[in-house]
C-alpha atoms as a PDB file:
ATOM      1  CA  UNK A   1       0.000   0.000   0.000  1.00  0.00           C
ATOM      2  CA  UNK A   2       2.872   2.437   0.690  1.00  0.00           C
ATOM      3  CA  UNK A   3       4.679   1.662  -2.576  1.00  0.00           C
ATOM      4  CA  UNK A   4       7.816   0.229  -0.960  1.00  0.00           C
ATOM      5  CA  UNK A   5       7.567  -2.897  -3.125  1.00  0.00           C
ATOM      6  CA  UNK A   6       8.493  -0.730  -6.133  1.00  0.00           C
ATOM      7  CA  UNK A   7      11.628   0.806  -4.592  1.00  0.00           C
ATOM      8  CA  UNK A   8      14.433   0.781  -7.189  1.00  0.00           C
ATOM      9  CA  UNK A   9      12.221  -1.281  -9.495  1.00  0.00           C
ATOM     10  CA  UNK A  10      10.012  -0.625 -12.501  1.00  0.00           C
ATOM     11  CA  UNK A  11       6.406  -0.289 -11.369  1.00  0.00           C
ATOM     12  CA  UNK A  12       5.251  -0.649 -14.981  1.00  0.00           C
ATOM     13  CA  UNK A  13       7.136  -3.918 -15.402  1.00  0.00           C
ATOM     14  CA  UNK A  14       5.946  -5.320 -12.064  1.00  0.00           C
ATOM     15  CA  UNK A  15       2.276  -4.499 -12.635  1.00  0.00           C
ATOM     16  CA  UNK A  16       1.943  -4.880 -16.397  1.00  0.00           C
ATOM     17  CA  UNK A  17       4.982  -6.798 -17.601  1.00  0.00           C
ATOM     18  CA  UNK A  18       8.279  -5.708 -19.134  1.00  0.00           C
ATOM     19  CA  UNK A  19       6.928  -6.403 -22.642  1.00  0.00           C
ATOM     20  CA  UNK A  20       4.782  -3.276 -22.341  1.00  0.00           C
ATOM     21  CA  UNK A  21       7.898  -1.133 -21.995  1.00  0.00           C
ATOM     22  CA  UNK A  22       9.179  -2.604 -25.264  1.00  0.00           C
ATOM     23  CA  UNK A  23       5.817  -1.925 -26.896  1.00  0.00           C
ATOM     24  CA  UNK A  24       6.008   1.780 -26.047  1.00  0.00           C
ATOM     25  CA  UNK A  25       9.187   2.315 -28.081  1.00  0.00           C
ATOM     26  CA  UNK A  26       8.714   4.913 -30.839  1.00  0.00           C
ATOM     27  CA  UNK A  27       5.092   5.403 -29.725  1.00  0.00           C
ATOM     28  CA  UNK A  28       3.110   8.335 -28.389  1.00  0.00           C
ATOM     29  CA  UNK A  29       2.056   7.396 -24.854  1.00  0.00           C
ATOM     30  CA  UNK A  30      -0.307   9.116 -22.422  1.00  0.00           C
ATOM     31  CA  UNK A  31       0.195   8.361 -18.740  1.00  0.00           C
ATOM     32  CA  UNK A  32      -3.302   9.067 -17.417  1.00  0.00           C
ATOM     33  CA  UNK A  33      -3.069   9.953 -13.737  1.00  0.00           C
ATOM     34  CA  UNK A  34       0.689  10.385 -13.954  1.00  0.00           C
ATOM     35  CA  UNK A  35       1.333  11.760 -10.477  1.00  0.00           C
ATOM     36  CA  UNK A  36       4.946  12.923 -10.180  1.00  0.00           C
ATOM     37  CA  UNK A  37       5.860  11.423 -13.539  1.00  0.00           C
ATOM     38  CA  UNK A  38       8.052   8.506 -12.479  1.00  0.00           C
ATOM     39  CA  UNK A  39       6.501   6.031 -14.927  1.00  0.00           C
ATOM     40  CA  UNK A  40       6.195   8.601 -17.739  1.00  0.00           C
ATOM     41  CA  UNK A  41       9.892   9.409 -17.428  1.00  0.00           C
ATOM     42  CA  UNK A  42      10.806   5.720 -17.425  1.00  0.00           C
ATOM     43  CA  UNK A  43       8.789   5.173 -20.604  1.00  0.00           C
ATOM     44  CA  UNK A  44      10.569   8.104 -22.265  1.00  0.00           C
ATOM     45  CA  UNK A  45      13.939   6.701 -21.207  1.00  0.00           C
ATOM     46  CA  UNK A  46      12.981   3.343 -22.702  1.00  0.00           C
ATOM     47  CA  UNK A  47      12.478   4.888 -26.138  1.00  0.00           C
ATOM     48  CA  UNK A  48       8.958   6.284 -26.438  1.00  0.00           C
ATOM     49  CA  UNK A  49       8.754   8.999 -29.092  1.00  0.00           C
ATOM     50  CA  UNK A  50       6.641  11.224 -26.875  1.00  0.00           C
ATOM     51  CA  UNK A  51       5.055  10.850 -23.421  1.00  0.00           C
ATOM     52  CA  UNK A  52       2.230  13.028 -22.126  1.00  0.00           C
ATOM     53  CA  UNK A  53       1.527  12.850 -18.408  1.00  0.00           C
ATOM     54  CA  UNK A  54      -1.986  13.895 -17.408  1.00  0.00           C
ATOM     55  CA  UNK A  55      -3.033  14.741 -13.862  1.00  0.00           C
ATOM     56  CA  UNK A  56      -5.491  17.223 -12.344  1.00  0.00           C
ATOM     57  CA  UNK A  57      -3.121  18.280  -9.531  1.00  0.00           C
ATOM     58  CA  UNK A  58      -0.882  21.125 -10.621  1.00  0.00           C
ATOM     59  CA  UNK A  59       1.480  20.651  -7.668  1.00  0.00           C
ATOM     60  CA  UNK A  60       2.423  17.112  -8.752  1.00  0.00           C
ATOM     61  CA  UNK A  61       2.694  18.201 -12.400  1.00  0.00           C
ATOM     62  CA  UNK A  62       5.282  20.779 -11.368  1.00  0.00           C
ATOM     63  CA  UNK A  63       7.310  18.077  -9.626  1.00  0.00           C
ATOM     64  CA  UNK A  64       6.965  15.819 -12.682  1.00  0.00           C
ATOM     65  CA  UNK A  65       8.341  18.558 -14.947  1.00  0.00           C
ATOM     66  CA  UNK A  66      11.318  19.029 -12.639  1.00  0.00           C
ATOM     67  CA  UNK A  67      11.960  15.270 -12.603  1.00  0.00           C
ATOM     68  CA  UNK A  68      11.856  15.109 -16.413  1.00  0.00           C
ATOM     69  CA  UNK A  69      14.308  18.010 -16.648  1.00  0.00           C
ATOM     70  CA  UNK A  70      16.696  16.333 -14.222  1.00  0.00           C
ATOM     71  CA  UNK A  71      16.423  13.035 -16.122  1.00  0.00           C
ATOM     72  CA  UNK A  72      17.206  14.697 -19.454  1.00  0.00           C
ATOM     73  CA  UNK A  73      13.920  13.783 -21.140  1.00  0.00           C
ATOM     74  CA  UNK A  74      12.039  17.084 -20.867  1.00  0.00           C
ATOM     75  CA  UNK A  75      12.124  17.388 -24.668  1.00  0.00           C
ATOM     76  CA  UNK A  76       9.998  14.212 -24.954  1.00  0.00           C
ATOM     77  CA  UNK A  77       7.834  14.556 -21.833  1.00  0.00           C
ATOM     78  CA  UNK A  78       4.917  16.921 -21.360  1.00  0.00           C
ATOM     79  CA  UNK A  79       2.939  17.163 -18.130  1.00  0.00           C
ATOM     80  CA  UNK A  80      -0.457  18.775 -18.354  1.00  0.00           C
ATOM     81  CA  UNK A  81      -4.021  18.726 -17.025  1.00  0.00           C
ATOM     82  CA  UNK A  82      -5.514  18.246 -20.498  1.00  0.00           C
ATOM     83  CA  UNK A  83      -3.917  16.278 -23.342  1.00  0.00           C
ATOM     84  CA  UNK A  84      -4.675  17.361 -26.892  1.00  0.00           C
ATOM     85  CA  UNK A  85      -2.564  14.910 -28.890  1.00  0.00           C
ATOM     86  CA  UNK A  86      -3.792  11.441 -29.855  1.00  0.00           C
ATOM     87  CA  UNK A  87      -1.777   8.529 -28.540  1.00  0.00           C
ATOM     88  CA  UNK A  88      -0.944   4.957 -29.543  1.00  0.00           C
ATOM     89  CA  UNK A  89      -1.109   3.747 -25.920  1.00  0.00           C
ATOM     90  CA  UNK A  90      -2.737   5.108 -22.781  1.00  0.00           C
ATOM     91  CA  UNK A  91      -1.265   3.867 -19.519  1.00  0.00           C
ATOM     92  CA  UNK A  92      -3.229   4.100 -16.271  1.00  0.00           C
ATOM     93  CA  UNK A  93      -1.779   2.936 -12.950  1.00  0.00           C
ATOM     94  CA  UNK A  94      -3.571   3.040  -9.584  1.00  0.00           C
ATOM     95  CA  UNK A  95      -6.197   5.484 -10.846  1.00  0.00           C
ATOM     96  CA  UNK A  96      -9.531   3.858 -11.720  1.00  0.00           C
ATOM     97  CA  UNK A  97     -10.519   3.539  -8.067  1.00  0.00           C
ATOM     98  CA  UNK A  98     -10.083   7.316  -7.719  1.00  0.00           C
ATOM     99  CA  UNK A  99     -11.784   8.839 -10.791  1.00  0.00           C
ATOM    100  CA  UNK A 100     -14.934  10.769  -9.919  1.00  0.00           C
ATOM    101  CA  UNK A 101     -16.676   9.730 -13.165  1.00  0.00           C
ATOM    102  CA  UNK A 102     -15.086   6.533 -14.579  1.00  0.00           C
ATOM    103  CA  UNK A 103     -17.463   6.221 -17.598  1.00  0.00           C
ATOM    104  CA  UNK A 104     -16.542   9.761 -18.647  1.00  0.00           C
ATOM    105  CA  UNK A 105     -12.843   8.940 -18.221  1.00  0.00           C
ATOM    106  CA  UNK A 106     -13.191   5.921 -20.502  1.00  0.00           C
ATOM    107  CA  UNK A 107     -14.821   8.138 -23.114  1.00  0.00           C
ATOM    108  CA  UNK A 108     -12.022  10.703 -22.795  1.00  0.00           C
ATOM    109  CA  UNK A 109      -9.466   7.921 -23.207  1.00  0.00           C
ATOM    110  CA  UNK A 110     -11.287   6.746 -26.312  1.00  0.00           C
ATOM    111  CA  UNK A 111     -11.176  10.266 -27.755  1.00  0.00           C
ATOM    112  CA  UNK A 112      -7.439  10.528 -27.046  1.00  0.00           C
ATOM    113  CA  UNK A 113      -6.515   7.234 -28.726  1.00  0.00           C
ATOM    114  CA  UNK A 114      -5.751   6.569 -32.359  1.00  0.00           C
ATOM    115  CA  UNK A 115      -7.887   3.795 -33.939  1.00  0.00           C
ATOM    116  CA  UNK A 116      -6.455   0.455 -32.874  1.00  0.00           C
ATOM    117  CA  UNK A 117      -4.813   2.036 -29.832  1.00  0.00           C
ATOM    118  CA  UNK A 118      -4.641   0.470 -26.378  1.00  0.00           C
ATOM    119  CA  UNK A 119      -5.587   1.370 -22.834  1.00  0.00           C
ATOM    120  CA  UNK A 120      -3.401  -0.657 -20.482  1.00  0.00           C
ATOM    121  CA  UNK A 121      -4.444  -0.274 -16.855  1.00  0.00           C
ATOM    122  CA  UNK A 122      -3.733  -1.652 -13.421  1.00  0.00           C
ATOM    123  CA  UNK A 123      -5.549  -0.478 -10.331  1.00  0.00           C
ATOM    124  CA  UNK A 124      -6.417  -1.468  -6.808  1.00  0.00           C
ATOM    125  CA  UNK A 125      -7.120  -2.230  -4.122  1.00  0.00           C
ATOM    126  CA  UNK A 126     -10.755  -2.328  -5.173  1.00  0.00           C
ATOM    127  CA  UNK A 127     -13.523  -1.560  -2.710  1.00  0.00           C
ATOM    128  CA  UNK A 128     -14.023  -5.012  -1.128  1.00  0.00           C
ATOM    129  CA  UNK A 129     -10.296  -5.664  -0.667  1.00  0.00           C
ATOM    130  CA  UNK A 130      -9.340  -5.753   3.054  1.00  0.00           C
ATOM    131  CA  UNK A 131      -7.764  -2.312   2.603  1.00  0.00           C
ATOM    132  CA  UNK A 132     -10.004  -1.075  -0.217  1.00  0.00           C
ATOM    133  CA  UNK A 133     -10.898   1.991   1.812  1.00  0.00           C
ATOM    134  CA  UNK A 134      -7.290   3.198   1.619  1.00  0.00           C
ATOM    135  CA  UNK A 135      -6.876   5.691   4.486  1.00  0.00           C
ATOM    136  CA  UNK A 136     -10.251   4.632   5.893  1.00  0.00           C
ATOM    137  CA  UNK A 137      -9.165   0.983   6.259  1.00  0.00           C
ATOM    138  CA  UNK A 138      -7.616   1.400   9.687  1.00  0.00           C
ATOM    139  CA  UNK A 139      -7.971  -2.380   9.992  1.00  0.00           C
ATOM    140  CA  UNK A 140      -9.097  -4.940   7.367  1.00  0.00           C
ATOM    141  CA  UNK A 141     -12.551  -4.131   5.976  1.00  0.00           C
ATOM    142  CA  UNK A 142     -13.068  -1.246   8.437  1.00  0.00           C
ATOM    143  CA  UNK A 143     -14.490   0.809   5.539  1.00  0.00           C
ATOM    144  CA  UNK A 144     -17.268  -1.784   5.157  1.00  0.00           C
ATOM    145  CA  UNK A 145     -18.049  -1.979   8.874  1.00  0.00           C
ATOM    146  CA  UNK A 146     -18.372   1.741   9.635  1.00  0.00           C
ATOM    147  CA  UNK A 147     -20.604   4.219   7.810  1.00  0.00           C
ATOM    148  CA  UNK A 148     -19.217   6.807   5.424  1.00  0.00           C
ATOM    149  CA  UNK A 149     -20.384   9.541   7.793  1.00  0.00           C
ATOM    150  CA  UNK A 150     -18.518   8.020  10.747  1.00  0.00           C
ATOM    151  CA  UNK A 151     -15.301   7.542   8.774  1.00  0.00           C
ATOM    152  CA  UNK A 152     -15.396  11.062   7.353  1.00  0.00           C
ATOM    153  CA  UNK A 153     -15.921  12.373  10.872  1.00  0.00           C
ATOM    154  CA  UNK A 154     -12.870  10.398  12.062  1.00  0.00           C
ATOM    155  CA  UNK A 155     -10.793  11.681   9.149  1.00  0.00           C
ATOM    156  CA  UNK A 156     -11.687  15.298   9.943  1.00  0.00           C
ATOM    157  CA  UNK A 157      -9.624  14.975  13.128  1.00  0.00           C
ATOM    158  CA  UNK A 158      -6.452  14.399  11.117  1.00  0.00           C
ATOM    159  CA  UNK A 159      -7.209  16.128   7.775  1.00  0.00           C
ATOM    160  CA  UNK A 160      -9.413  19.172   7.995  1.00  0.00           C
ATOM    161  CA  UNK A 161     -10.052  19.881   4.293  1.00  0.00           C
ATOM    162  CA  UNK A 162     -13.865  20.006   4.379  1.00  0.00           C
ATOM    163  CA  UNK A 163     -14.489  16.641   2.678  1.00  0.00           C
ATOM    164  CA  UNK A 164     -17.947  15.237   3.433  1.00  0.00           C
ATOM    165  CA  UNK A 165     -17.889  12.164   1.171  1.00  0.00           C
ATOM    166  CA  UNK A 166     -15.358   9.545   0.088  1.00  0.00           C
ATOM    167  CA  UNK A 167     -15.269  11.127  -3.354  1.00  0.00           C
ATOM    168  CA  UNK A 168     -14.239  14.503  -1.926  1.00  0.00           C
ATOM    169  CA  UNK A 169     -11.072  13.387  -0.132  1.00  0.00           C
ATOM    170  CA  UNK A 170      -7.713  14.163  -1.718  1.00  0.00           C
ATOM    171  CA  UNK A 171      -7.354  11.940  -4.769  1.00  0.00           C
ATOM    172  CA  UNK A 172     -10.991  10.809  -4.526  1.00  0.00           C
ATOM    173  CA  UNK A 173     -12.344   7.356  -3.761  1.00  0.00           C
ATOM    174  CA  UNK A 174     -15.190   6.065  -5.935  1.00  0.00           C
ATOM    175  CA  UNK A 175     -15.761   2.674  -4.238  1.00  0.00           C
ATOM    176  CA  UNK A 176     -14.850   0.805  -7.437  1.00  0.00           C
ATOM    177  CA  UNK A 177     -15.551  -2.933  -7.450  1.00  0.00           C
ATOM    178  CA  UNK A 178     -14.443  -5.571  -9.941  1.00  0.00           C
ATOM    179  CA  UNK A 179     -18.042  -6.135 -11.014  1.00  0.00           C
ATOM    180  CA  UNK A 180     -18.620  -2.451 -11.610  1.00  0.00           C
ATOM    181  CA  UNK A 181     -15.422  -1.990 -13.608  1.00  0.00           C
ATOM    182  CA  UNK A 182     -16.229  -5.025 -15.754  1.00  0.00           C
ATOM    183  CA  UNK A 183     -19.658  -3.594 -16.504  1.00  0.00           C
ATOM    184  CA  UNK A 184     -18.182  -0.182 -17.356  1.00  0.00           C
ATOM    185  CA  UNK A 185     -15.565  -1.705 -19.656  1.00  0.00           C
ATOM    186  CA  UNK A 186     -18.168  -3.773 -21.487  1.00  0.00           C
ATOM    187  CA  UNK A 187     -20.389  -0.733 -22.049  1.00  0.00           C
ATOM    188  CA  UNK A 188     -17.463   1.489 -23.132  1.00  0.00           C
ATOM    189  CA  UNK A 189     -16.346   2.101 -26.739  1.00  0.00           C
ATOM    190  CA  UNK A 190     -13.497  -0.377 -26.232  1.00  0.00           C
ATOM    191  CA  UNK A 191     -13.076  -4.067 -26.887  1.00  0.00           C
ATOM    192  CA  UNK A 192     -11.793  -5.941 -23.840  1.00  0.00           C
ATOM    193  CA  UNK A 193      -8.650  -7.903 -24.719  1.00  0.00           C
ATOM    194  CA  UNK A 194      -7.767  -8.866 -21.150  1.00  0.00           C
ATOM    195  CA  UNK A 195      -9.355  -8.342 -17.756  1.00  0.00           C
ATOM    196  CA  UNK A 196      -7.611 -10.103 -14.895  1.00  0.00           C
ATOM    197  CA  UNK A 197      -8.342 -10.124 -11.164  1.00  0.00           C
ATOM    198  CA  UNK A 198      -4.978 -10.848  -9.536  1.00  0.00           C
ATOM    199  CA  UNK A 199      -5.380 -12.636  -6.183  1.00  0.00           C
ATOM    200  CA  UNK A 200      -3.817 -11.529  -2.926  1.00  0.00           C
ATOM    201  CA  UNK A 201      -0.775 -13.792  -2.705  1.00  0.00           C
ATOM    202  CA  UNK A 202      -1.462 -15.416   0.655  1.00  0.00           C
ATOM    203  CA  UNK A 203      -5.144 -15.917  -0.213  1.00  0.00           C
ATOM    204  CA  UNK A 204      -4.591 -17.357  -3.676  1.00  0.00           C
ATOM    205  CA  UNK A 205      -6.128 -20.735  -2.800  1.00  0.00           C
ATOM    206  CA  UNK A 206      -9.331 -19.029  -1.647  1.00  0.00           C
ATOM    207  CA  UNK A 207      -9.609 -16.876  -4.748  1.00  0.00           C
ATOM    208  CA  UNK A 208     -12.440 -17.760  -7.142  1.00  0.00           C
ATOM    209  CA  UNK A 209     -15.373 -16.108  -8.887  1.00  0.00           C
ATOM    210  CA  UNK A 210     -17.392 -16.065  -5.667  1.00  0.00           C
ATOM    211  CA  UNK A 211     -14.640 -14.616  -3.453  1.00  0.00           C
ATOM    212  CA  UNK A 212     -12.641 -12.478  -5.872  1.00  0.00           C
ATOM    213  CA  UNK A 213     -14.210  -9.167  -4.773  1.00  0.00           C
ATOM    214  CA  UNK A 214     -12.736  -9.753  -1.312  1.00  0.00           C
ATOM    215  CA  UNK A 215      -9.475 -11.523  -2.174  1.00  0.00           C
ATOM    216  CA  UNK A 216      -8.230  -9.676  -5.275  1.00  0.00           C
ATOM    217  CA  UNK A 217      -5.048  -7.613  -4.982  1.00  0.00           C
ATOM    218  CA  UNK A 218      -5.220  -5.619  -8.238  1.00  0.00           C
ATOM    219  CA  UNK A 219      -7.146  -5.588 -11.489  1.00  0.00           C
ATOM    220  CA  UNK A 220      -5.212  -5.599 -14.764  1.00  0.00           C
ATOM    221  CA  UNK A 221      -6.825  -4.935 -18.105  1.00  0.00           C
ATOM    222  CA  UNK A 222      -6.101  -4.207 -21.738  1.00  0.00           C
ATOM    223  CA  UNK A 223      -8.757  -2.395 -23.757  1.00  0.00           C
ATOM    224  CA  UNK A 224      -8.468  -1.794 -27.505  1.00  0.00           C
ATOM    225  CA  UNK A 225     -10.093   0.939 -29.551  1.00  0.00           C
ATOM    226  CA  UNK A 226     -11.571  -0.610 -32.720  1.00  0.00           C
ATOM    227  CA  UNK A 227      -9.785   0.182 -35.978  1.00  0.00           C
ATOM    228  CA  UNK A 228     -13.063   1.181 -37.587  1.00  0.00           C
ATOM    229  CA  UNK A 229     -13.893   3.691 -34.855  1.00  0.00           C
ATOM    230  CA  UNK A 230     -15.191   6.926 -36.270  1.00  0.00           C
ATOM    231  CA  UNK A 231     -13.663   9.059 -33.503  1.00  0.00           C
END
């Protein structure tokens, strides 16, 4: 949860496979929800023609720009709140559980992709994971035991930013489940090429279609925009 597993390692390779880094070579890539730009910069260093990092938080975009400058790839990396250029690949890591309006995000991704382009995403923990409430999961499944009102009240003692709902906290929390994401993907403009619920390692033997909402670590998916798409 704190990201230490990725220290001195490639988060893209761990979550989505090293082959994806090879696939981004000479491509235009959008990192949707780029944060401080670590993955976008890595993709540029691995040979992408152009990488556009998109995030709604200007403070992290500023840090991403500084990182790109220090890494010597500022000429191939742009960090912005709104991308205008169409991409071959859209990458999304640890973001779909935070988007305020996921169906709208999928439509935006569709509009930003060239025909035949890919959305490659990994996200989690999803809502029914033991720690799917993120900050609100003070112990496993606490976010399912206590009401939203009670948890927001508890949070106000440590972060007084005026949030009154899960979706209003910093970064947002949309209570995304595997079932909901599957339904959204199927109703989106994309064709699903892969949708995988990766089990929590120690609970792998208990992981099946009936238990996967509770025992899935992350969701990985590949969505393709049809070649005959008119947009």
